[in-house]
Amino acid sequence: GCNGCIGMGQAPATHENSLRTTPRNFPGRSGTREDRVFLCSPETAT
């Protein structure tokens, strides 16, 4: 399912870097207001 991509679980810790293969990293979209989400490939995330 979509899950953490739209903030449904798997929210990152405050101010901690999260690398995701999701399409968007708008502020707070992850479910954490003060998030730091990077978008990348599966190779980079792994």
PDB file of all heavy atoms in Angstrom:
ATOM      1  N   GLY A   1       0.826  -1.201   0.000  1.00  0.00           N
ATOM      2  CA  GLY A   1       0.000   0.000   0.000  1.00  0.00           C
ATOM      3  C   GLY A   1       0.856   1.245   0.000  1.00  0.00           C
ATOM      4  O   GLY A   1       2.093   1.183  -0.051  1.00  0.00           O
ATOM      5  N   CYS A   2       0.199   2.384   0.071  1.00  0.00           N
ATOM      6  CA  CYS A   2       0.905   3.674   0.024  1.00  0.00           C
ATOM      7  C   CYS A   2       1.671   3.959   1.312  1.00  0.00           C
ATOM      8  O   CYS A   2       2.760   4.532   1.293  1.00  0.00           O
ATOM      9  CB  CYS A   2      -0.084   4.796  -0.252  1.00  0.00           C
ATOM     10  SG  CYS A   2      -0.913   4.659  -1.845  1.00  0.00           S
ATOM     11  N   ASN A   3       1.074   3.655   2.442  1.00  0.00           N
ATOM     12  CA  ASN A   3       1.747   3.700   3.732  1.00  0.00           C
ATOM     13  C   ASN A   3       2.436   5.038   4.001  1.00  0.00           C
ATOM     14  O   ASN A   3       1.831   6.090   3.914  1.00  0.00           O
ATOM     15  CB  ASN A   3       2.719   2.523   3.846  1.00  0.00           C
ATOM     16  CG  ASN A   3       2.033   1.182   3.652  1.00  0.00           C
ATOM     17  OD1 ASN A   3       0.871   1.030   3.997  1.00  0.00           O
ATOM     18  ND2 ASN A   3       2.735   0.216   3.091  1.00  0.00           N
ATOM     19  N   GLY A   4       3.733   5.005   4.313  1.00  0.00           N
ATOM     20  CA  GLY A   4       4.443   6.200   4.739  1.00  0.00           C
ATOM     21  C   GLY A   4       4.583   7.276   3.695  1.00  0.00           C
ATOM     22  O   GLY A   4       4.892   8.427   4.027  1.00  0.00           O
ATOM     23  N   CYS A   5       4.349   6.958   2.434  1.00  0.00           N
ATOM     24  CA  CYS A   5       4.442   7.972   1.373  1.00  0.00           C
ATOM     25  C   CYS A   5       3.492   9.122   1.642  1.00  0.00           C
ATOM     26  O   CYS A   5       3.802  10.281   1.332  1.00  0.00           O
ATOM     27  CB  CYS A   5       4.148   7.342   0.021  1.00  0.00           C
ATOM     28  SG  CYS A   5       4.120   8.507  -1.354  1.00  0.00           S
ATOM     29  N   ILE A   6       2.323   8.797   2.233  1.00  0.00           N
ATOM     30  CA  ILE A   6       1.339   9.838   2.525  1.00  0.00           C
ATOM     31  C   ILE A   6       1.147  10.015   4.028  1.00  0.00           C
ATOM     32  O   ILE A   6       0.110  10.472   4.482  1.00  0.00           O
ATOM     33  CB  ILE A   6      -0.003   9.556   1.809  1.00  0.00           C
ATOM     34  CG1 ILE A   6      -0.371   8.079   1.923  1.00  0.00           C
ATOM     35  CG2 ILE A   6       0.069   9.935   0.355  1.00  0.00           C
ATOM     36  CD1 ILE A   6      -1.550   7.793   2.746  1.00  0.00           C
ATOM     37  N   GLY A   7       2.186   9.656   4.787  1.00  0.00           N
ATOM     38  CA  GLY A   7       2.143   9.882   6.218  1.00  0.00           C
ATOM     39  C   GLY A   7       1.318   8.881   6.982  1.00  0.00           C
ATOM     40  O   GLY A   7       0.949   9.134   8.136  1.00  0.00           O
ATOM     41  N   MET A   8       1.032   7.722   6.385  1.00  0.00           N
ATOM     42  CA  MET A   8       0.281   6.670   7.070  1.00  0.00           C
ATOM     43  C   MET A   8       1.268   5.668   7.674  1.00  0.00           C
ATOM     44  O   MET A   8       1.518   4.592   7.140  1.00  0.00           O
ATOM     45  CB  MET A   8      -0.653   5.964   6.084  1.00  0.00           C
ATOM     46  CG  MET A   8      -1.909   6.731   5.810  1.00  0.00           C
ATOM     47  SD  MET A   8      -2.979   6.699   7.270  1.00  0.00           S
ATOM     48  CE  MET A   8      -4.331   7.712   6.693  1.00  0.00           C
ATOM     49  N   GLY A   9       1.851   6.043   8.800  1.00  0.00           N
ATOM     50  CA  GLY A   9       2.841   5.200   9.439  1.00  0.00           C
ATOM     51  C   GLY A   9       4.245   5.491   8.930  1.00  0.00           C
ATOM     52  O   GLY A   9       4.443   6.230   7.970  1.00  0.00           O
ATOM     53  N   GLN A  10       5.239   4.919   9.607  1.00  0.00           N
ATOM     54  CA  GLN A  10       6.653   5.039   9.234  1.00  0.00           C
ATOM     55  C   GLN A  10       7.139   6.488   9.220  1.00  0.00           C
ATOM     56  O   GLN A  10       8.044   6.849   8.458  1.00  0.00           O
ATOM     57  CB  GLN A  10       6.917   4.378   7.879  1.00  0.00           C
ATOM     58  CG  GLN A  10       6.509   2.922   7.844  1.00  0.00           C
ATOM     59  CD  GLN A  10       6.344   2.390   6.441  1.00  0.00           C
ATOM     60  OE1 GLN A  10       7.311   2.280   5.704  1.00  0.00           O
ATOM     61  NE2 GLN A  10       5.119   2.052   6.066  1.00  0.00           N
ATOM     62  N   ALA A  11       6.537   7.317  10.043  1.00  0.00           N
ATOM     63  CA  ALA A  11       6.985   8.710  10.118  1.00  0.00           C
ATOM     64  C   ALA A  11       8.409   8.750  10.668  1.00  0.00           C
ATOM     65  O   ALA A  11       8.744   8.013  11.593  1.00  0.00           O
ATOM     66  CB  ALA A  11       6.046   9.515  11.015  1.00  0.00           C
ATOM     67  N   PRO A  12       9.253   9.607  10.117  1.00  0.00           N
ATOM     68  CA  PRO A  12      10.636   9.687  10.595  1.00  0.00           C
ATOM     69  C   PRO A  12      10.725  10.482  11.898  1.00  0.00           C
ATOM     70  O   PRO A  12       9.802  11.230  12.259  1.00  0.00           O
ATOM     71  CB  PRO A  12      11.354  10.420   9.463  1.00  0.00           C
ATOM     72  CG  PRO A  12      10.290  11.273   8.842  1.00  0.00           C
ATOM     73  CD  PRO A  12       9.012  10.490   8.970  1.00  0.00           C
ATOM     74  N   ALA A  13      11.841  10.345  12.578  1.00  0.00           N
ATOM     75  CA  ALA A  13      12.069  11.112  13.802  1.00  0.00           C
ATOM     76  C   ALA A  13      12.284  12.590  13.460  1.00  0.00           C
ATOM     77  O   ALA A  13      12.705  12.941  12.358  1.00  0.00           O
ATOM     78  CB  ALA A  13      13.284  10.556  14.543  1.00  0.00           C
ATOM     79  N   THR A  14      11.999  13.447  14.423  1.00  0.00           N
ATOM     80  CA  THR A  14      12.120  14.889  14.230  1.00  0.00           C
ATOM     81  C   THR A  14      13.541  15.279  13.844  1.00  0.00           C
ATOM     82  O   THR A  14      14.505  14.867  14.497  1.00  0.00           O
ATOM     83  CB  THR A  14      11.721  15.620  15.529  1.00  0.00           C
ATOM     84  OG1 THR A  14      10.387  15.249  15.875  1.00  0.00           O
ATOM     85  CG2 THR A  14      11.797  17.127  15.355  1.00  0.00           C
ATOM     86  N   HIS A  15      13.644  16.051  12.765  1.00  0.00           N
ATOM     87  CA  HIS A  15      14.914  16.614  12.284  1.00  0.00           C
ATOM     88  C   HIS A  15      15.919  15.551  11.823  1.00  0.00           C
ATOM     89  O   HIS A  15      17.074  15.880  11.561  1.00  0.00           O
ATOM     90  CB  HIS A  15      15.574  17.503  13.348  1.00  0.00           C
ATOM     91  CG  HIS A  15      14.749  18.675  13.771  1.00  0.00           C
ATOM     92  ND1 HIS A  15      14.198  19.561  12.875  1.00  0.00           N
ATOM     93  CD2 HIS A  15      14.373  19.102  15.013  1.00  0.00           C
ATOM     94  CE1 HIS A  15      13.523  20.493  13.543  1.00  0.00           C
ATOM     95  NE2 HIS A  15      13.603  20.235  14.833  1.00  0.00           N
ATOM     96  N   GLU A  16      15.491  14.287  11.721  1.00  0.00           N
ATOM     97  CA  GLU A  16      16.410  13.235  11.271  1.00  0.00           C
ATOM     98  C   GLU A  16      16.237  13.004   9.769  1.00  0.00           C
ATOM     99  O   GLU A  16      15.127  13.081   9.240  1.00  0.00           O
ATOM    100  CB  GLU A  16      16.142  11.937  12.032  1.00  0.00           C
ATOM    101  CG  GLU A  16      16.439  12.011  13.518  1.00  0.00           C
ATOM    102  CD  GLU A  16      17.922  12.105  13.814  1.00  0.00           C
ATOM    103  OE1 GLU A  16      18.737  11.630  13.000  1.00  0.00           O
ATOM    104  OE2 GLU A  16      18.274  12.683  14.868  1.00  0.00           O
ATOM    105  N   ASN A  17      17.333  12.683   9.093  1.00  0.00           N
ATOM    106  CA  ASN A  17      17.301  12.479   7.649  1.00  0.00           C
ATOM    107  C   ASN A  17      16.646  11.146   7.299  1.00  0.00           C
ATOM    108  O   ASN A  17      16.992  10.097   7.859  1.00  0.00           O
ATOM    109  CB  ASN A  17      18.713  12.510   7.071  1.00  0.00           C
ATOM    110  CG  ASN A  17      19.326  13.892   7.119  1.00  0.00           C
ATOM    111  OD1 ASN A  17      18.612  14.896   7.111  1.00  0.00           O
ATOM    112  ND2 ASN A  17      20.644  13.969   7.171  1.00  0.00           N
ATOM    113  N   SER A  18      15.700  11.204   6.367  1.00  0.00           N
ATOM    114  CA  SER A  18      15.011  10.022   5.861  1.00  0.00           C
ATOM    115  C   SER A  18      15.186   9.974   4.356  1.00  0.00           C
ATOM    116  O   SER A  18      14.817  10.922   3.653  1.00  0.00           O
ATOM    117  CB  SER A  18      13.517  10.084   6.220  1.00  0.00           C
ATOM    118  OG  SER A  18      12.793   9.059   5.571  1.00  0.00           O
ATOM    119  N   LEU A  19      15.766   8.898   3.832  1.00  0.00           N
ATOM    120  CA  LEU A  19      15.927   8.712   2.389  1.00  0.00           C
ATOM    121  C   LEU A  19      14.805   7.824   1.892  1.00  0.00           C
ATOM    122  O   LEU A  19      14.620   6.710   2.413  1.00  0.00           O
ATOM    123  CB  LEU A  19      17.286   8.085   2.059  1.00  0.00           C
ATOM    124  CG  LEU A  19      18.423   9.075   1.758  1.00  0.00           C
ATOM    125  CD1 LEU A  19      18.698   9.964   2.949  1.00  0.00           C
ATOM    126  CD2 LEU A  19      19.679   8.341   1.318  1.00  0.00           C
ATOM    127  N   ARG A  20      14.061   8.303   0.884  1.00  0.00           N
ATOM    128  CA  ARG A  20      12.870   7.592   0.438  1.00  0.00           C
ATOM    129  C   ARG A  20      12.813   7.511  -1.084  1.00  0.00           C
ATOM    130  O   ARG A  20      13.236   8.439  -1.774  1.00  0.00           O
ATOM    131  CB  ARG A  20      11.606   8.299   0.957  1.00  0.00           C
ATOM    132  CG  ARG A  20      11.525   8.342   2.479  1.00  0.00           C
ATOM    133  CD  ARG A  20      10.232   8.958   2.982  1.00  0.00           C
ATOM    134  NE  ARG A  20      10.063   8.667   4.397  1.00  0.00           N
ATOM    135  CZ  ARG A  20       8.903   8.558   5.020  1.00  0.00           C
ATOM    136  NH1 ARG A  20       7.777   8.737   4.354  1.00  0.00           N
ATOM    137  NH2 ARG A  20       8.846   8.282   6.309  1.00  0.00           N
ATOM    138  N   THR A  21      12.257   6.416  -1.571  1.00  0.00           N
ATOM    139  CA  THR A  21      12.038   6.273  -3.012  1.00  0.00           C
ATOM    140  C   THR A  21      10.648   6.751  -3.404  1.00  0.00           C
ATOM    141  O   THR A  21      10.147   6.411  -4.479  1.00  0.00           O
ATOM    142  CB  THR A  21      12.239   4.808  -3.453  1.00  0.00           C
ATOM    143  OG1 THR A  21      11.234   3.989  -2.849  1.00  0.00           O
ATOM    144  CG2 THR A  21      13.618   4.299  -3.055  1.00  0.00           C
ATOM    145  N   THR A  22      10.027   7.539  -2.551  1.00  0.00           N
ATOM    146  CA  THR A  22       8.689   8.086  -2.799  1.00  0.00           C
ATOM    147  C   THR A  22       8.767   9.251  -3.793  1.00  0.00           C
ATOM    148  O   THR A  22       9.846   9.734  -4.106  1.00  0.00           O
ATOM    149  CB  THR A  22       8.058   8.549  -1.479  1.00  0.00           C
ATOM    150  OG1 THR A  22       8.928   9.520  -0.882  1.00  0.00           O
ATOM    151  CG2 THR A  22       7.890   7.385  -0.512  1.00  0.00           C
ATOM    152  N   PRO A  23       7.614   9.738  -4.279  1.00  0.00           N
ATOM    153  CA  PRO A  23       7.648  10.817  -5.275  1.00  0.00           C
ATOM    154  C   PRO A  23       7.725  12.222  -4.711  1.00  0.00           C
ATOM    155  O   PRO A  23       8.047  13.157  -5.447  1.00  0.00           O
ATOM    156  CB  PRO A  23       6.336  10.624  -6.044  1.00  0.00           C
ATOM    157  CG  PRO A  23       5.419   9.987  -5.053  1.00  0.00           C
ATOM    158  CD  PRO A  23       6.275   9.113  -4.189  1.00  0.00           C
ATOM    159  N   ARG A  24       7.402  12.408  -3.415  1.00  0.00           N
ATOM    160  CA  ARG A  24       7.284  13.775  -2.885  1.00  0.00           C
ATOM    161  C   ARG A  24       7.931  13.883  -1.514  1.00  0.00           C
ATOM    162  O   ARG A  24       7.918  12.924  -0.735  1.00  0.00           O
ATOM    163  CB  ARG A  24       5.808  14.199  -2.791  1.00  0.00           C
ATOM    164  CG  ARG A  24       5.179  14.364  -4.148  1.00  0.00           C
ATOM    165  CD  ARG A  24       3.749  14.859  -4.071  1.00  0.00           C
ATOM    166  NE  ARG A  24       3.268  15.059  -5.426  1.00  0.00           N
ATOM    167  CZ  ARG A  24       2.072  14.718  -5.869  1.00  0.00           C
ATOM    168  NH1 ARG A  24       1.193  14.184  -5.051  1.00  0.00           N
ATOM    169  NH2 ARG A  24       1.727  14.926  -7.130  1.00  0.00           N
ATOM    170  N   ASN A  25       8.441  15.071  -1.243  1.00  0.00           N
ATOM    171  CA  ASN A  25       9.028  15.347   0.071  1.00  0.00           C
ATOM    172  C   ASN A  25       8.614  16.725   0.569  1.00  0.00           C
ATOM    173  O   ASN A  25       9.410  17.432   1.184  1.00  0.00           O
ATOM    174  CB  ASN A  25      10.549  15.224   0.023  1.00  0.00           C
ATOM    175  CG  ASN A  25      11.201  16.175  -0.977  1.00  0.00           C
ATOM    176  OD1 ASN A  25      10.533  16.740  -1.849  1.00  0.00           O
ATOM    177  ND2 ASN A  25      12.504  16.361  -0.856  1.00  0.00           N
ATOM    178  N   PHE A  26       7.357  17.114   0.292  1.00  0.00           N
ATOM    179  CA  PHE A  26       6.862  18.399   0.780  1.00  0.00           C
ATOM    180  C   PHE A  26       6.921  18.423   2.308  1.00  0.00           C
ATOM    181  O   PHE A  26       6.815  17.383   2.961  1.00  0.00           O
ATOM    182  CB  PHE A  26       5.428  18.632   0.312  1.00  0.00           C
ATOM    183  CG  PHE A  26       5.272  18.685  -1.182  1.00  0.00           C
ATOM    184  CD1 PHE A  26       4.209  18.044  -1.801  1.00  0.00           C
ATOM    185  CD2 PHE A  26       6.177  19.374  -1.973  1.00  0.00           C
ATOM    186  CE1 PHE A  26       4.050  18.091  -3.175  1.00  0.00           C
ATOM    187  CE2 PHE A  26       6.024  19.430  -3.348  1.00  0.00           C
ATOM    188  CZ  PHE A  26       4.966  18.792  -3.953  1.00  0.00           C
ATOM    189  N   PRO A  27       7.046  19.593   2.906  1.00  0.00           N
ATOM    190  CA  PRO A  27       7.188  19.682   4.357  1.00  0.00           C
ATOM    191  C   PRO A  27       6.043  18.993   5.095  1.00  0.00           C
ATOM    192  O   PRO A  27       4.876  19.253   4.831  1.00  0.00           O
ATOM    193  CB  PRO A  27       7.178  21.194   4.620  1.00  0.00           C
ATOM    194  CG  PRO A  27       7.614  21.818   3.337  1.00  0.00           C
ATOM    195  CD  PRO A  27       7.088  20.929   2.253  1.00  0.00           C
ATOM    196  N   GLY A  28       6.377  18.091   5.998  1.00  0.00           N
ATOM    197  CA  GLY A  28       5.381  17.437   6.830  1.00  0.00           C
ATOM    198  C   GLY A  28       4.613  16.309   6.177  1.00  0.00           C
ATOM    199  O   GLY A  28       3.828  15.637   6.841  1.00  0.00           O
ATOM    200  N   ARG A  29       4.812  16.061   4.882  1.00  0.00           N
ATOM    201  CA  ARG A  29       4.045  15.016   4.198  1.00  0.00           C
ATOM    202  C   ARG A  29       4.302  13.635   4.810  1.00  0.00           C
ATOM    203  O   ARG A  29       3.433  12.758   4.788  1.00  0.00           O
ATOM    204  CB  ARG A  29       4.394  15.014   2.708  1.00  0.00           C
ATOM    205  CG  ARG A  29       3.660  13.943   1.898  1.00  0.00           C
ATOM    206  CD  ARG A  29       4.039  14.011   0.413  1.00  0.00           C
ATOM    207  NE  ARG A  29       3.572  12.852  -0.325  1.00  0.00           N
ATOM    208  CZ  ARG A  29       2.398  12.734  -0.915  1.00  0.00           C
ATOM    209  NH1 ARG A  29       1.522  13.718  -0.829  1.00  0.00           N
ATOM    210  NH2 ARG A  29       2.065  11.645  -1.580  1.00  0.00           N
ATOM    211  N   SER A  30       5.481  13.437   5.371  1.00  0.00           N
ATOM    212  CA  SER A  30       5.843  12.140   5.941  1.00  0.00           C
ATOM    213  C   SER A  30       5.055  11.801   7.196  1.00  0.00           C
ATOM    214  O   SER A  30       5.075  10.662   7.661  1.00  0.00           O
ATOM    215  CB  SER A  30       7.335  12.130   6.282  1.00  0.00           C
ATOM    216  OG  SER A  30       7.589  13.046   7.339  1.00  0.00           O
ATOM    217  N   GLY A  31       4.383  12.808   7.776  1.00  0.00           N
ATOM    218  CA  GLY A  31       3.708  12.632   9.052  1.00  0.00           C
ATOM    219  C   GLY A  31       4.430  13.318  10.190  1.00  0.00           C
ATOM    220  O   GLY A  31       3.865  13.479  11.282  1.00  0.00           O
ATOM    221  N   THR A  32       5.670  13.728   9.968  1.00  0.00           N
ATOM    222  CA  THR A  32       6.453  14.461  10.964  1.00  0.00           C
ATOM    223  C   THR A  32       6.555  15.909  10.524  1.00  0.00           C
ATOM    224  O   THR A  32       7.037  16.186   9.414  1.00  0.00           O
ATOM    225  CB  THR A  32       7.861  13.855  11.107  1.00  0.00           C
ATOM    226  OG1 THR A  32       7.736  12.493  11.535  1.00  0.00           O
ATOM    227  CG2 THR A  32       8.700  14.631  12.104  1.00  0.00           C
ATOM    228  N   ARG A  33       6.120  16.825  11.365  1.00  0.00           N
ATOM    229  CA  ARG A  33       6.082  18.232  10.968  1.00  0.00           C
ATOM    230  C   ARG A  33       7.476  18.751  10.613  1.00  0.00           C
ATOM    231  O   ARG A  33       7.668  19.403   9.594  1.00  0.00           O
ATOM    232  CB  ARG A  33       5.472  19.064  12.101  1.00  0.00           C
ATOM    233  CG  ARG A  33       5.187  20.512  11.699  1.00  0.00           C
ATOM    234  CD  ARG A  33       4.570  21.303  12.849  1.00  0.00           C
ATOM    235  NE  ARG A  33       4.209  22.646  12.416  1.00  0.00           N
ATOM    236  CZ  ARG A  33       3.008  22.997  11.989  1.00  0.00           C
ATOM    237  NH1 ARG A  33       2.049  22.106  11.936  1.00  0.00           N
ATOM    238  NH2 ARG A  33       2.761  24.235  11.609  1.00  0.00           N
ATOM    239  N   GLU A  34       8.467  18.461  11.428  1.00  0.00           N
ATOM    240  CA  GLU A  34       9.836  18.941  11.183  1.00  0.00           C
ATOM    241  C   GLU A  34      10.652  17.800  10.578  1.00  0.00           C
ATOM    242  O   GLU A  34      11.639  17.334  11.145  1.00  0.00           O
ATOM    243  CB  GLU A  34      10.482  19.439  12.480  1.00  0.00           C
ATOM    244  CG  GLU A  34       9.782  20.633  13.110  1.00  0.00           C
ATOM    245  CD  GLU A  34       8.587  20.231  13.971  1.00  0.00           C
ATOM    246  OE1 GLU A  34       8.437  19.023  14.237  1.00  0.00           O
ATOM    247  OE2 GLU A  34       7.808  21.127  14.354  1.00  0.00           O
ATOM    248  N   ASP A  35      10.221  17.326   9.398  1.00  0.00           N
ATOM    249  CA  ASP A  35      10.923  16.210   8.766  1.00  0.00           C
ATOM    250  C   ASP A  35      12.054  16.695   7.862  1.00  0.00           C
ATOM    251  O   ASP A  35      12.155  17.886   7.548  1.00  0.00           O
ATOM    252  CB  ASP A  35       9.957  15.324   7.978  1.00  0.00           C
ATOM    253  CG  ASP A  35       9.199  16.075   6.888  1.00  0.00           C
ATOM    254  OD1 ASP A  35       9.531  17.244   6.608  1.00  0.00           O
ATOM    255  OD2 ASP A  35       8.263  15.487   6.306  1.00  0.00           O
ATOM    256  N   ARG A  36      12.905  15.758   7.474  1.00  0.00           N
ATOM    257  CA  ARG A  36      13.976  16.014   6.507  1.00  0.00           C
ATOM    258  C   ARG A  36      14.017  14.820   5.553  1.00  0.00           C
ATOM    259  O   ARG A  36      14.746  13.853   5.778  1.00  0.00           O
ATOM    260  CB  ARG A  36      15.323  16.207   7.204  1.00  0.00           C
ATOM    261  CG  ARG A  36      15.474  17.560   7.896  1.00  0.00           C
ATOM    262  CD  ARG A  36      16.872  17.751   8.467  1.00  0.00           C
ATOM    263  NE  ARG A  36      17.914  17.491   7.481  1.00  0.00           N
ATOM    264  CZ  ARG A  36      18.307  18.346   6.533  1.00  0.00           C
ATOM    265  NH1 ARG A  36      17.721  19.542   6.434  1.00  0.00           N
ATOM    266  NH2 ARG A  36      19.258  18.024   5.682  1.00  0.00           N
ATOM    267  N   VAL A  37      13.184  14.885   4.514  1.00  0.00           N
ATOM    268  CA  VAL A  37      13.028  13.772   3.585  1.00  0.00           C
ATOM    269  C   VAL A  37      13.770  14.059   2.287  1.00  0.00           C
ATOM    270  O   VAL A  37      13.569  15.108   1.663  1.00  0.00           O
ATOM    271  CB  VAL A  37      11.535  13.496   3.306  1.00  0.00           C
ATOM    272  CG1 VAL A  37      11.383  12.433   2.221  1.00  0.00           C
ATOM    273  CG2 VAL A  37      10.832  13.059   4.588  1.00  0.00           C
ATOM    274  N   PHE A  38      14.616  13.113   1.889  1.00  0.00           N
ATOM    275  CA  PHE A  38      15.313  13.140   0.609  1.00  0.00           C
ATOM    276  C   PHE A  38      14.659  12.110  -0.311  1.00  0.00           C
ATOM    277  O   PHE A  38      14.202  11.057   0.147  1.00  0.00           O
ATOM    278  CB  PHE A  38      16.785  12.757   0.779  1.00  0.00           C
ATOM    279  CG  PHE A  38      17.621  13.704   1.597  1.00  0.00           C
ATOM    280  CD1 PHE A  38      17.516  13.740   2.981  1.00  0.00           C
ATOM    281  CD2 PHE A  38      18.550  14.545   0.988  1.00  0.00           C
ATOM    282  CE1 PHE A  38      18.299  14.592   3.748  1.00  0.00           C
ATOM    283  CE2 PHE A  38      19.341  15.398   1.739  1.00  0.00           C
ATOM    284  CZ  PHE A  38      19.219  15.424   3.119  1.00  0.00           C
ATOM    285  N   LEU A  39      14.639  12.388  -1.616  1.00  0.00           N
ATOM    286  CA  LEU A  39      14.104  11.458  -2.612  1.00  0.00           C
ATOM    287  C   LEU A  39      15.253  10.892  -3.439  1.00  0.00           C
ATOM    288  O   LEU A  39      16.098  11.647  -3.927  1.00  0.00           O
ATOM    289  CB  LEU A  39      13.101  12.158  -3.529  1.00  0.00           C
ATOM    290  CG  LEU A  39      11.956  12.902  -2.854  1.00  0.00           C
ATOM    291  CD1 LEU A  39      11.076  13.580  -3.897  1.00  0.00           C
ATOM    292  CD2 LEU A  39      11.124  11.949  -1.993  1.00  0.00           C
ATOM    293  N   CYS A  40      15.256   9.576  -3.626  1.00  0.00           N
ATOM    294  CA  CYS A  40      16.383   8.956  -4.328  1.00  0.00           C
ATOM    295  C   CYS A  40      15.959   7.612  -4.904  1.00  0.00           C
ATOM    296  O   CYS A  40      14.827   7.173  -4.748  1.00  0.00           O
ATOM    297  CB  CYS A  40      17.569   8.791  -3.378  1.00  0.00           C
ATOM    298  SG  CYS A  40      17.219   7.695  -1.975  1.00  0.00           S
ATOM    299  N   SER A  41      16.896   6.941  -5.533  1.00  0.00           N
ATOM    300  CA  SER A  41      16.664   5.625  -6.134  1.00  0.00           C
ATOM    301  C   SER A  41      16.762   4.531  -5.068  1.00  0.00           C
ATOM    302  O   SER A  41      17.320   4.746  -3.978  1.00  0.00           O
ATOM    303  CB  SER A  41      17.704   5.366  -7.211  1.00  0.00           C
ATOM    304  OG  SER A  41      18.992   5.196  -6.613  1.00  0.00           O
ATOM    305  N   PRO A  42      16.272   3.322  -5.360  1.00  0.00           N
ATOM    306  CA  PRO A  42      16.465   2.201  -4.429  1.00  0.00           C
ATOM    307  C   PRO A  42      17.941   1.904  -4.173  1.00  0.00           C
ATOM    308  O   PRO A  42      18.309   1.506  -3.069  1.00  0.00           O
ATOM    309  CB  PRO A  42      15.772   1.035  -5.136  1.00  0.00           C
ATOM    310  CG  PRO A  42      14.783   1.665  -6.048  1.00  0.00           C
ATOM    311  CD  PRO A  42      15.408   2.947  -6.498  1.00  0.00           C
ATOM    312  N   GLU A  43      18.785   2.085  -5.196  1.00  0.00           N
ATOM    313  CA  GLU A  43      20.220   1.835  -5.023  1.00  0.00           C
ATOM    314  C   GLU A  43      20.815   2.776  -3.977  1.00  0.00           C
ATOM    315  O   GLU A  43      21.571   2.355  -3.086  1.00  0.00           O
ATOM    316  CB  GLU A  43      20.944   2.011  -6.361  1.00  0.00           C
ATOM    317  CG  GLU A  43      20.661   0.930  -7.377  1.00  0.00           C
ATOM    318  CD  GLU A  43      19.431   1.197  -8.248  1.00  0.00           C
ATOM    319  OE1 GLU A  43      18.594   2.041  -7.870  1.00  0.00           O
ATOM    320  OE2 GLU A  43      19.306   0.548  -9.296  1.00  0.00           O
ATOM    321  N   THR A  44      20.471   4.065  -4.076  1.00  0.00           N
ATOM    322  CA  THR A  44      21.001   5.044  -3.129  1.00  0.00           C
ATOM    323  C   THR A  44      20.450   4.818  -1.730  1.00  0.00           C
ATOM    324  O   THR A  44      21.178   4.894  -0.732  1.00  0.00           O
ATOM    325  CB  THR A  44      20.691   6.466  -3.613  1.00  0.00           C
ATOM    326  OG1 THR A  44      21.337   6.695  -4.871  1.00  0.00           O
ATOM    327  CG2 THR A  44      21.168   7.506  -2.619  1.00  0.00           C
ATOM    328  N   ALA A  45      19.142   4.539  -1.625  1.00  0.00           N
ATOM    329  CA  ALA A  45      18.530   4.302  -0.312  1.00  0.00           C
ATOM    330  C   ALA A  45      19.146   3.081   0.363  1.00  0.00           C
ATOM    331  O   ALA A  45      19.439   3.099   1.570  1.00  0.00           O
ATOM    332  CB  ALA A  45      17.023   4.130  -0.464  1.00  0.00           C
ATOM    333  N   THR A  46      19.370   2.005  -0.398  1.00  0.00           N
ATOM    334  CA  THR A  46      19.927   0.777   0.182  1.00  0.00           C
ATOM    335  C   THR A  46      21.380   0.965   0.592  1.00  0.00           C
ATOM    336  O   THR A  46      21.792   0.546   1.689  1.00  0.00           O
ATOM    337  CB  THR A  46      19.795  -0.378  -0.815  1.00  0.00           C
ATOM    338  OG1 THR A  46      18.434  -0.509  -1.226  1.00  0.00           O
ATOM    339  CG2 THR A  46      20.251  -1.687  -0.195  1.00  0.00           C
TER     340      THR A  46
END
